């Protein structure tokens, strides 16, 4: 019964595919804008906004709203807490898959 606890080790915030994809993209980049994240996650604008708000509320992502000319421009950065959560999530998946 030693494998029973593995599900509990998976961070529920990162267990949502779009949120996991956002954090995965941000792990590789210093920062990314909203449009890029929408493109790599293949999600809608509404869903991206919702998922980013959740990641921001957890302290995993910093959202910076600026302007490019007269257009709103949203930039996202992974926080140290977000990076740590992602690394722990990956480790938990590896344990669960016996890798």
PDB file of N, CA and C in Angstrom:
ATOM      1  N   UNK A   1       0.816  -1.194   0.000  1.00  0.00           N
ATOM      2  CA  UNK A   1       0.000   0.000   0.000  1.00  0.00           C
ATOM      3  C   UNK A   1       0.860   1.260   0.000  1.00  0.00           C
ATOM      4  N   UNK A   2       2.127   1.160  -0.306  1.00  0.00           N
ATOM      5  CA  UNK A   2       2.999   2.328  -0.259  1.00  0.00           C
ATOM      6  C   UNK A   2       2.732   3.311  -1.392  1.00  0.00           C
ATOM      7  N   UNK A   3       2.005   2.907  -2.421  1.00  0.00           N
ATOM      8  CA  UNK A   3       1.727   3.808  -3.538  1.00  0.00           C
ATOM      9  C   UNK A   3       0.477   4.658  -3.322  1.00  0.00           C
ATOM     10  N   UNK A   4      -0.236   4.405  -2.242  1.00  0.00           N
ATOM     11  CA  UNK A   4      -1.509   5.063  -2.006  1.00  0.00           C
ATOM     12  C   UNK A   4      -1.410   6.589  -1.951  1.00  0.00           C
ATOM     13  N   UNK A   5      -0.358   7.124  -1.364  1.00  0.00           N
ATOM     14  CA  UNK A   5      -0.249   8.552  -1.158  1.00  0.00           C
ATOM     15  C   UNK A   5       0.142   9.368  -2.366  1.00  0.00           C
ATOM     16  N   UNK A   6       0.509   8.739  -3.469  1.00  0.00           N
ATOM     17  CA  UNK A   6       1.026   9.488  -4.607  1.00  0.00           C
ATOM     18  C   UNK A   6       0.022  10.475  -5.190  1.00  0.00           C
ATOM     19  N   UNK A   7      -1.252  10.131  -5.232  1.00  0.00           N
ATOM     20  CA  UNK A   7      -2.236  11.072  -5.755  1.00  0.00           C
ATOM     21  C   UNK A   7      -2.270  12.328  -4.896  1.00  0.00           C
ATOM     22  N   UNK A   8      -2.117  12.154  -3.589  1.00  0.00           N
ATOM     23  CA  UNK A   8      -2.156  13.286  -2.678  1.00  0.00           C
ATOM     24  C   UNK A   8      -0.968  14.218  -2.874  1.00  0.00           C
ATOM     25  N   UNK A   9       0.122  13.716  -3.452  1.00  0.00           N
ATOM     26  CA  UNK A   9       1.315  14.527  -3.654  1.00  0.00           C
ATOM     27  C   UNK A   9       1.180  15.447  -4.859  1.00  0.00           C
ATOM     28  N   UNK A  10       0.215  15.185  -5.740  1.00  0.00           N
ATOM     29  CA  UNK A  10       0.055  16.012  -6.927  1.00  0.00           C
ATOM     30  C   UNK A  10      -0.675  17.300  -6.577  1.00  0.00           C
ATOM     31  N   UNK A  11      -0.026  18.413  -6.864  1.00  0.00           N
ATOM     32  CA  UNK A  11      -0.572  19.740  -6.592  1.00  0.00           C
ATOM     33  C   UNK A  11      -1.857  19.934  -7.404  1.00  0.00           C
ATOM     34  N   UNK A  12      -2.996  20.136  -6.740  1.00  0.00           N
ATOM     35  CA  UNK A  12      -4.254  20.303  -7.477  1.00  0.00           C
ATOM     36  C   UNK A  12      -4.259  21.533  -8.388  1.00  0.00           C
ATOM     37  N   UNK A  13      -3.476  22.533  -8.047  1.00  0.00           N
ATOM     38  CA  UNK A  13      -3.409  23.737  -8.890  1.00  0.00           C
ATOM     39  C   UNK A  13      -2.777  23.390 -10.235  1.00  0.00           C
ATOM     40  N   UNK A  14      -1.778  22.523 -10.214  1.00  0.00           N
ATOM     41  CA  UNK A  14      -1.077  22.165 -11.452  1.00  0.00           C
ATOM     42  C   UNK A  14      -1.685  20.953 -12.145  1.00  0.00           C
ATOM     43  N   UNK A  15      -2.672  20.335 -11.533  1.00  0.00           N
ATOM     44  CA  UNK A  15      -3.300  19.153 -12.132  1.00  0.00           C
ATOM     45  C   UNK A  15      -4.274  19.496 -13.250  1.00  0.00           C
ATOM     46  N   UNK A  16      -4.535  20.780 -13.467  1.00  0.00           N
ATOM     47  CA  UNK A  16      -5.371  21.220 -14.579  1.00  0.00           C
ATOM     48  C   UNK A  16      -4.468  21.359 -15.803  1.00  0.00           C
ATOM     49  N   UNK A  17      -4.800  20.695 -16.905  1.00  0.00           N
ATOM     50  CA  UNK A  17      -3.908  20.705 -18.078  1.00  0.00           C
ATOM     51  C   UNK A  17      -3.460  22.089 -18.554  1.00  0.00           C
ATOM     52  N   UNK A  18      -4.373  23.051 -18.610  1.00  0.00           N
ATOM     53  CA  UNK A  18      -3.983  24.384 -19.101  1.00  0.00           C
ATOM     54  C   UNK A  18      -3.015  25.054 -18.133  1.00  0.00           C
ATOM     55  N   UNK A  19      -3.283  24.944 -16.821  1.00  0.00           N
ATOM     56  CA  UNK A  19      -2.373  25.560 -15.843  1.00  0.00           C
ATOM     57  C   UNK A  19      -1.007  24.891 -15.889  1.00  0.00           C
ATOM     58  N   UNK A  20      -0.982  23.585 -16.053  1.00  0.00           N
ATOM     59  CA  UNK A  20       0.293  22.869 -16.151  1.00  0.00           C
ATOM     60  C   UNK A  20       1.044  23.316 -17.401  1.00  0.00           C
ATOM     61  N   UNK A  21       0.328  23.494 -18.504  1.00  0.00           N
ATOM     62  CA  UNK A  21       0.952  23.940 -19.756  1.00  0.00           C
ATOM     63  C   UNK A  21       1.508  25.362 -19.616  1.00  0.00           C
ATOM     64  N   UNK A  22       0.787  26.235 -18.926  1.00  0.00           N
ATOM     65  CA  UNK A  22       1.249  27.616 -18.710  1.00  0.00           C
ATOM     66  C   UNK A  22       2.554  27.597 -17.917  1.00  0.00           C
ATOM     67  N   UNK A  23       2.558  26.878 -16.803  1.00  0.00           N
ATOM     68  CA  UNK A  23       3.737  26.827 -15.939  1.00  0.00           C
ATOM     69  C   UNK A  23       4.893  26.156 -16.666  1.00  0.00           C
ATOM     70  N   UNK A  24       4.619  25.095 -17.424  1.00  0.00           N
ATOM     71  CA  UNK A  24       5.661  24.413 -18.205  1.00  0.00           C
ATOM     72  C   UNK A  24       6.311  25.370 -19.193  1.00  0.00           C
ATOM     73  N   UNK A  25       5.502  26.190 -19.852  1.00  0.00           N
ATOM     74  CA  UNK A  25       6.038  27.168 -20.808  1.00  0.00           C
ATOM     75  C   UNK A  25       6.882  28.208 -20.086  1.00  0.00           C
ATOM     76  N   UNK A  26       6.403  28.674 -18.925  1.00  0.00           N
ATOM     77  CA  UNK A  26       7.116  29.720 -18.195  1.00  0.00           C
ATOM     78  C   UNK A  26       8.399  29.218 -17.538  1.00  0.00           C
ATOM     79  N   UNK A  27       8.491  27.921 -17.276  1.00  0.00           N
ATOM     80  CA  UNK A  27       9.715  27.351 -16.705  1.00  0.00           C
ATOM     81  C   UNK A  27      10.876  27.553 -17.684  1.00  0.00           C
ATOM     82  N   UNK A  28      10.571  27.449 -18.978  1.00  0.00           N
ATOM     83  CA  UNK A  28      11.612  27.541 -20.008  1.00  0.00           C
ATOM     84  C   UNK A  28      11.954  28.980 -20.384  1.00  0.00           C
ATOM     85  N   UNK A  29      11.030  29.902 -20.131  1.00  0.00           N
ATOM     86  CA  UNK A  29      11.211  31.291 -20.555  1.00  0.00           C
ATOM     87  C   UNK A  29      11.292  32.217 -19.358  1.00  0.00           C
ATOM     88  N   UNK A  30      11.957  33.336 -19.512  1.00  0.00           N
ATOM     89  CA  UNK A  30      12.007  34.311 -18.422  1.00  0.00           C
ATOM     90  C   UNK A  30      10.619  34.902 -18.204  1.00  0.00           C
ATOM     91  N   UNK A  31       9.934  35.163 -19.312  1.00  0.00           N
ATOM     92  CA  UNK A  31       8.569  35.679 -19.265  1.00  0.00           C
ATOM     93  C   UNK A  31       7.893  35.404 -20.598  1.00  0.00           C
ATOM     94  N   UNK A  32       6.580  35.481 -20.606  1.00  0.00           N
ATOM     95  CA  UNK A  32       5.827  35.271 -21.844  1.00  0.00           C
ATOM     96  C   UNK A  32       4.594  36.143 -21.806  1.00  0.00           C
ATOM     97  N   UNK A  33       4.156  36.569 -22.982  1.00  0.00           N
ATOM     98  CA  UNK A  33       2.948  37.376 -22.973  1.00  0.00           C
ATOM     99  C   UNK A  33       1.710  36.499 -23.147  1.00  0.00           C
ATOM    100  N   UNK A  34       0.585  37.123 -22.873  1.00  0.00           N
ATOM    101  CA  UNK A  34      -0.717  36.459 -22.880  1.00  0.00           C
ATOM    102  C   UNK A  34      -0.968  35.736 -24.213  1.00  0.00           C
ATOM    103  N   UNK A  35      -0.685  36.419 -25.330  1.00  0.00           N
ATOM    104  CA  UNK A  35      -0.939  35.839 -26.657  1.00  0.00           C
ATOM    105  C   UNK A  35      -0.121  34.570 -26.878  1.00  0.00           C
ATOM    106  N   UNK A  36       1.155  34.627 -26.485  1.00  0.00           N
ATOM    107  CA  UNK A  36       2.022  33.461 -26.641  1.00  0.00           C
ATOM    108  C   UNK A  36       1.482  32.290 -25.820  1.00  0.00           C
ATOM    109  N   UNK A  37       1.092  32.556 -24.590  1.00  0.00           N
ATOM    110  CA  UNK A  37       0.574  31.489 -23.729  1.00  0.00           C
ATOM    111  C   UNK A  37      -0.732  30.919 -24.285  1.00  0.00           C
ATOM    112  N   UNK A  38      -1.562  31.779 -24.861  1.00  0.00           N
ATOM    113  CA  UNK A  38      -2.804  31.291 -25.491  1.00  0.00           C
ATOM    114  C   UNK A  38      -2.465  30.360 -26.654  1.00  0.00           C
ATOM    115  N   UNK A  39      -1.445  30.752 -27.408  1.00  0.00           N
ATOM    116  CA  UNK A  39      -1.020  29.957 -28.571  1.00  0.00           C
ATOM    117  C   UNK A  39      -0.489  28.584 -28.138  1.00  0.00           C
ATOM    118  N   UNK A  40       0.419  28.557 -27.169  1.00  0.00           N
ATOM    119  CA  UNK A  40       1.027  27.281 -26.770  1.00  0.00           C
ATOM    120  C   UNK A  40       0.069  26.362 -26.022  1.00  0.00           C
ATOM    121  N   UNK A  41      -0.943  26.932 -25.379  1.00  0.00           N
ATOM    122  CA  UNK A  41      -1.900  26.096 -24.648  1.00  0.00           C
ATOM    123  C   UNK A  41      -3.139  25.782 -25.484  1.00  0.00           C
ATOM    124  N   UNK A  42      -3.278  26.460 -26.621  1.00  0.00           N
ATOM    125  CA  UNK A  42      -4.438  26.283 -27.508  1.00  0.00           C
ATOM    126  C   UNK A  42      -5.754  26.438 -26.746  1.00  0.00           C
ATOM    127  N   UNK A  43      -5.826  27.492 -25.931  1.00  0.00           N
ATOM    128  CA  UNK A  43      -7.046  27.742 -25.166  1.00  0.00           C
ATOM    129  C   UNK A  43      -7.659  29.083 -25.556  1.00  0.00           C
ATOM    130  N   UNK A  44      -8.822  29.356 -25.029  1.00  0.00           N
ATOM    131  CA  UNK A  44      -9.522  30.608 -25.339  1.00  0.00           C
ATOM    132  C   UNK A  44      -9.014  31.730 -24.446  1.00  0.00           C
ATOM    133  N   UNK A  45      -9.320  32.945 -24.844  1.00  0.00           N
ATOM    134  CA  UNK A  45      -8.924  34.118 -24.064  1.00  0.00           C
ATOM    135  C   UNK A  45      -9.555  34.076 -22.674  1.00  0.00           C
ATOM    136  N   UNK A  46     -10.835  33.720 -22.602  1.00  0.00           N
ATOM    137  CA  UNK A  46     -11.534  33.647 -21.320  1.00  0.00           C
ATOM    138  C   UNK A  46     -10.944  32.604 -20.389  1.00  0.00           C
ATOM    139  N   UNK A  47     -10.649  31.431 -20.931  1.00  0.00           N
ATOM    140  CA  UNK A  47     -10.064  30.366 -20.114  1.00  0.00           C
ATOM    141  C   UNK A  47      -8.653  30.748 -19.665  1.00  0.00           C
ATOM    142  N   UNK A  48      -7.873  31.361 -20.559  1.00  0.00           N
ATOM    143  CA  UNK A  48      -6.512  31.773 -20.197  1.00  0.00           C
ATOM    144  C   UNK A  48      -6.568  32.780 -19.044  1.00  0.00           C
ATOM    145  N   UNK A  49      -7.474  33.752 -19.122  1.00  0.00           N
ATOM    146  CA  UNK A  49      -7.617  34.747 -18.049  1.00  0.00           C
ATOM    147  C   UNK A  49      -7.954  34.064 -16.726  1.00  0.00           C
ATOM    148  N   UNK A  50      -8.902  33.146 -16.783  1.00  0.00           N
ATOM    149  CA  UNK A  50      -9.333  32.420 -15.585  1.00  0.00           C
ATOM    150  C   UNK A  50      -8.176  31.625 -14.972  1.00  0.00           C
ATOM    151  N   UNK A  51      -7.440  30.897 -15.798  1.00  0.00           N
ATOM    152  CA  UNK A  51      -6.339  30.053 -15.299  1.00  0.00           C
ATOM    153  C   UNK A  51      -5.194  30.903 -14.754  1.00  0.00           C
ATOM    154  N   UNK A  52      -4.905  32.025 -15.411  1.00  0.00           N
ATOM    155  CA  UNK A  52      -3.850  32.908 -14.917  1.00  0.00           C
ATOM    156  C   UNK A  52      -4.223  33.525 -13.575  1.00  0.00           C
ATOM    157  N   UNK A  53      -5.501  33.872 -13.408  1.00  0.00           N
ATOM    158  CA  UNK A  53      -5.955  34.424 -12.128  1.00  0.00           C
ATOM    159  C   UNK A  53      -5.741  33.411 -11.015  1.00  0.00           C
ATOM    160  N   UNK A  54      -6.033  32.153 -11.289  1.00  0.00           N
ATOM    161  CA  UNK A  54      -5.843  31.106 -10.274  1.00  0.00           C
ATOM    162  C   UNK A  54      -4.359  30.937  -9.945  1.00  0.00           C
ATOM    163  N   UNK A  55      -3.512  30.906 -10.972  1.00  0.00           N
ATOM    164  CA  UNK A  55      -2.070  30.765 -10.748  1.00  0.00           C
ATOM    165  C   UNK A  55      -1.517  31.981  -9.991  1.00  0.00           C
ATOM    166  N   UNK A  56      -2.044  33.149 -10.300  1.00  0.00           N
ATOM    167  CA  UNK A  56      -1.614  34.370  -9.614  1.00  0.00           C
ATOM    168  C   UNK A  56      -2.071  34.342  -8.148  1.00  0.00           C
ATOM    169  N   UNK A  57      -3.292  33.897  -7.918  1.00  0.00           N
ATOM    170  CA  UNK A  57      -3.832  33.810  -6.551  1.00  0.00           C
ATOM    171  C   UNK A  57      -3.009  32.853  -5.691  1.00  0.00           C
ATOM    172  N   UNK A  58      -2.475  31.803  -6.307  1.00  0.00           N
ATOM    173  CA  UNK A  58      -1.638  30.836  -5.578  1.00  0.00           C
ATOM    174  C   UNK A  58      -0.209  31.340  -5.389  1.00  0.00           C
ATOM    175  N   UNK A  59       0.120  32.441  -6.067  1.00  0.00           N
ATOM    176  CA  UNK A  59       1.478  32.976  -5.977  1.00  0.00           C
ATOM    177  C   UNK A  59       2.456  32.264  -6.895  1.00  0.00           C
ATOM    178  N   UNK A  60       1.953  31.544  -7.893  1.00  0.00           N
ATOM    179  CA  UNK A  60       2.819  30.793  -8.810  1.00  0.00           C
ATOM    180  C   UNK A  60       3.266  31.645  -9.993  1.00  0.00           C
ATOM    181  N   UNK A  61       2.447  32.628 -10.351  1.00  0.00           N
ATOM    182  CA  UNK A  61       2.723  33.444 -11.528  1.00  0.00           C
ATOM    183  C   UNK A  61       2.527  34.914 -11.176  1.00  0.00           C
ATOM    184  N   UNK A  62       3.413  35.748 -11.697  1.00  0.00           N
ATOM    185  CA  UNK A  62       3.270  37.194 -11.569  1.00  0.00           C
ATOM    186  C   UNK A  62       2.712  37.700 -12.895  1.00  0.00           C
ATOM    187  N   UNK A  63       1.650  38.495 -12.840  1.00  0.00           N
ATOM    188  CA  UNK A  63       1.021  39.034 -14.043  1.00  0.00           C
ATOM    189  C   UNK A  63       1.255  40.537 -14.069  1.00  0.00           C
ATOM    190  N   UNK A  64       1.886  41.009 -15.137  1.00  0.00           N
ATOM    191  CA  UNK A  64       2.208  42.424 -15.277  1.00  0.00           C
ATOM    192  C   UNK A  64       1.413  42.978 -16.449  1.00  0.00           C
ATOM    193  N   UNK A  65       0.564  43.949 -16.165  1.00  0.00           N
ATOM    194  CA  UNK A  65      -0.261  44.550 -17.227  1.00  0.00           C
ATOM    195  C   UNK A  65       0.379  45.863 -17.656  1.00  0.00           C
ATOM    196  N   UNK A  66       0.711  45.938 -18.946  1.00  0.00           N
ATOM    197  CA  UNK A  66       1.328  47.138 -19.504  1.00  0.00           C
ATOM    198  C   UNK A  66       0.574  47.504 -20.781  1.00  0.00           C
ATOM    199  N   UNK A  67       1.142  48.422 -21.530  1.00  0.00           N
ATOM    200  CA  UNK A  67       0.576  48.786 -22.828  1.00  0.00           C
ATOM    201  C   UNK A  67       1.662  48.722 -23.880  1.00  0.00           C
ATOM    202  N   UNK A  68       1.289  48.238 -25.058  1.00  0.00           N
ATOM    203  CA  UNK A  68       2.163  48.255 -26.222  1.00  0.00           C
ATOM    204  C   UNK A  68       1.488  49.232 -27.170  1.00  0.00           C
ATOM    205  N   UNK A  69       1.998  50.461 -27.211  1.00  0.00           N
ATOM    206  CA  UNK A  69       1.273  51.513 -27.919  1.00  0.00           C
ATOM    207  C   UNK A  69       0.013  51.802 -27.113  1.00  0.00           C
ATOM    208  N   UNK A  70      -1.135  51.717 -27.764  1.00  0.00           N
ATOM    209  CA  UNK A  70      -2.386  51.948 -27.029  1.00  0.00           C
ATOM    210  C   UNK A  70      -3.120  50.647 -26.722  1.00  0.00           C
ATOM    211  N   UNK A  71      -2.446  49.511 -26.953  1.00  0.00           N
ATOM    212  CA  UNK A  71      -3.074  48.210 -26.707  1.00  0.00           C
ATOM    213  C   UNK A  71      -2.604  47.609 -25.387  1.00  0.00           C
ATOM    214  N   UNK A  72      -3.524  47.023 -24.614  1.00  0.00           N
ATOM    215  CA  UNK A  72      -3.105  46.351 -23.373  1.00  0.00           C
ATOM    216  C   UNK A  72      -2.166  45.186 -23.694  1.00  0.00           C
ATOM    217  N   UNK A  73      -1.163  45.015 -22.866  1.00  0.00           N
ATOM    218  CA  UNK A  73      -0.181  43.944 -23.069  1.00  0.00           C
ATOM    219  C   UNK A  73       0.069  43.278 -21.719  1.00  0.00           C
ATOM    220  N   UNK A  74      -0.272  42.006 -21.608  1.00  0.00           N
ATOM    221  CA  UNK A  74      -0.127  41.280 -20.348  1.00  0.00           C
ATOM    222  C   UNK A  74       1.082  40.353 -20.431  1.00  0.00           C
ATOM    223  N   UNK A  75       1.981  40.514 -19.483  1.00  0.00           N
ATOM    224  CA  UNK A  75       3.191  39.691 -19.423  1.00  0.00           C
ATOM    225  C   UNK A  75       3.117  38.823 -18.168  1.00  0.00           C
ATOM    226  N   UNK A  76       3.513  37.563 -18.305  1.00  0.00           N
ATOM    227  CA  UNK A  76       3.465  36.625 -17.179  1.00  0.00           C
ATOM    228  C   UNK A  76       4.868  36.100 -16.892  1.00  0.00           C
ATOM    229  N   UNK A  77       5.162  35.992 -15.605  1.00  0.00           N
ATOM    230  CA  UNK A  77       6.447  35.443 -15.151  1.00  0.00           C
ATOM    231  C   UNK A  77       6.167  34.396 -14.089  1.00  0.00           C
ATOM    232  N   UNK A  78       6.967  33.362 -14.087  1.00  0.00           N
ATOM    233  CA  UNK A  78       6.874  32.344 -13.049  1.00  0.00           C
ATOM    234  C   UNK A  78       7.578  32.868 -11.797  1.00  0.00           C
ATOM    235  N   UNK A  79       6.967  32.708 -10.648  1.00  0.00           N
ATOM    236  CA  UNK A  79       7.598  33.122  -9.389  1.00  0.00           C
ATOM    237  C   UNK A  79       8.467  31.976  -8.876  1.00  0.00           C
ATOM    238  N   UNK A  80       9.370  32.254  -7.934  1.00  0.00           N
ATOM    239  CA  UNK A  80      10.141  31.157  -7.334  1.00  0.00           C
ATOM    240  C   UNK A  80       9.222  30.081  -6.728  1.00  0.00           C
ATOM    241  N   UNK A  81       8.110  30.507  -6.122  1.00  0.00           N
ATOM    242  CA  UNK A  81       7.152  29.550  -5.553  1.00  0.00           C
ATOM    243  C   UNK A  81       6.560  28.667  -6.662  1.00  0.00           C
ATOM    244  N   UNK A  82       6.253  29.281  -7.802  1.00  0.00           N
ATOM    245  CA  UNK A  82       5.703  28.539  -8.936  1.00  0.00           C
ATOM    246  C   UNK A  82       6.694  27.539  -9.501  1.00  0.00           C
ATOM    247  N   UNK A  83       7.956  27.952  -9.596  1.00  0.00           N
ATOM    248  CA  UNK A  83       9.006  27.052 -10.098  1.00  0.00           C
ATOM    249  C   UNK A  83       9.169  25.856  -9.173  1.00  0.00           C
ATOM    250  N   UNK A  84       9.169  26.121  -7.859  1.00  0.00           N
ATOM    251  CA  UNK A  84       9.316  25.040  -6.876  1.00  0.00           C
ATOM    252  C   UNK A  84       8.127  24.072  -6.957  1.00  0.00           C
ATOM    253  N   UNK A  85       6.920  24.635  -7.078  1.00  0.00           N
ATOM    254  CA  UNK A  85       5.712  23.808  -7.169  1.00  0.00           C
ATOM    255  C   UNK A  85       5.773  22.917  -8.412  1.00  0.00           C
ATOM    256  N   UNK A  86       6.256  23.477  -9.525  1.00  0.00           N
ATOM    257  CA  UNK A  86       6.370  22.714 -10.766  1.00  0.00           C
ATOM    258  C   UNK A  86       7.377  21.575 -10.594  1.00  0.00           C
ATOM    259  N   UNK A  87       8.525  21.877 -10.007  1.00  0.00           N
ATOM    260  CA  UNK A  87       9.561  20.850  -9.798  1.00  0.00           C
ATOM    261  C   UNK A  87       9.040  19.735  -8.904  1.00  0.00           C
ATOM    262  N   UNK A  88       8.308  20.095  -7.853  1.00  0.00           N
ATOM    263  CA  UNK A  88       7.741  19.083  -6.952  1.00  0.00           C
ATOM    264  C   UNK A  88       6.678  18.256  -7.670  1.00  0.00           C
ATOM    265  N   UNK A  89       5.905  18.899  -8.532  1.00  0.00           N
ATOM    266  CA  UNK A  89       4.869  18.208  -9.303  1.00  0.00           C
ATOM    267  C   UNK A  89       5.511  17.167 -10.224  1.00  0.00           C
ATOM    268  N   UNK A  90       6.579  17.577 -10.907  1.00  0.00           N
ATOM    269  CA  UNK A  90       7.296  16.662 -11.813  1.00  0.00           C
ATOM    270  C   UNK A  90       7.853  15.474 -11.029  1.00  0.00           C
ATOM    271  N   UNK A  91       8.430  15.736  -9.865  1.00  0.00           N
ATOM    272  CA  UNK A  91       8.961  14.645  -9.028  1.00  0.00           C
ATOM    273  C   UNK A  91       7.852  13.690  -8.589  1.00  0.00           C
ATOM    274  N   UNK A  92       6.715  14.243  -8.206  1.00  0.00           N
ATOM    275  CA  UNK A  92       5.585  13.417  -7.770  1.00  0.00           C
ATOM    276  C   UNK A  92       5.080  12.544  -8.922  1.00  0.00           C
ATOM    277  N   UNK A  93       5.029  13.100 -10.127  1.00  0.00           N
ATOM    278  CA  UNK A  93       4.607  12.324 -11.311  1.00  0.00           C
ATOM    279  C   UNK A  93       5.595  11.182 -11.556  1.00  0.00           C
ATOM    280  N   UNK A  94       6.886  11.496 -11.443  1.00  0.00           N
ATOM    281  CA  UNK A  94       7.913  10.458 -11.654  1.00  0.00           C
ATOM    282  C   UNK A  94       7.737   9.314 -10.655  1.00  0.00           C
ATOM    283  N   UNK A  95       7.477   9.662  -9.399  1.00  0.00           N
ATOM    284  CA  UNK A  95       7.258   8.613  -8.379  1.00  0.00           C
ATOM    285  C   UNK A  95       6.027   7.791  -8.726  1.00  0.00           C
ATOM    286  N   UNK A  96       4.970   8.501  -9.090  1.00  0.00           N
ATOM    287  CA  UNK A  96       3.716   7.826  -9.414  1.00  0.00           C
ATOM    288  C   UNK A  96       3.897   6.863 -10.578  1.00  0.00           C
ATOM    289  N   UNK A  97       4.699   7.277 -11.571  1.00  0.00           N
ATOM    290  CA  UNK A  97       4.932   6.442 -12.762  1.00  0.00           C
ATOM    291  C   UNK A  97       6.093   5.465 -12.566  1.00  0.00           C
ATOM    292  N   UNK A  98       6.668   5.489 -11.380  1.00  0.00           N
ATOM    293  CA  UNK A  98       7.818   4.626 -11.049  1.00  0.00           C
ATOM    294  C   UNK A  98       9.004   4.873 -11.965  1.00  0.00           C
ATOM    295  N   UNK A  99       9.306   6.127 -12.247  1.00  0.00           N
ATOM    296  CA  UNK A  99      10.437   6.485 -13.110  1.00  0.00           C
ATOM    297  C   UNK A  99      11.661   6.788 -12.273  1.00  0.00           C
TER     298      UNK A  99
END
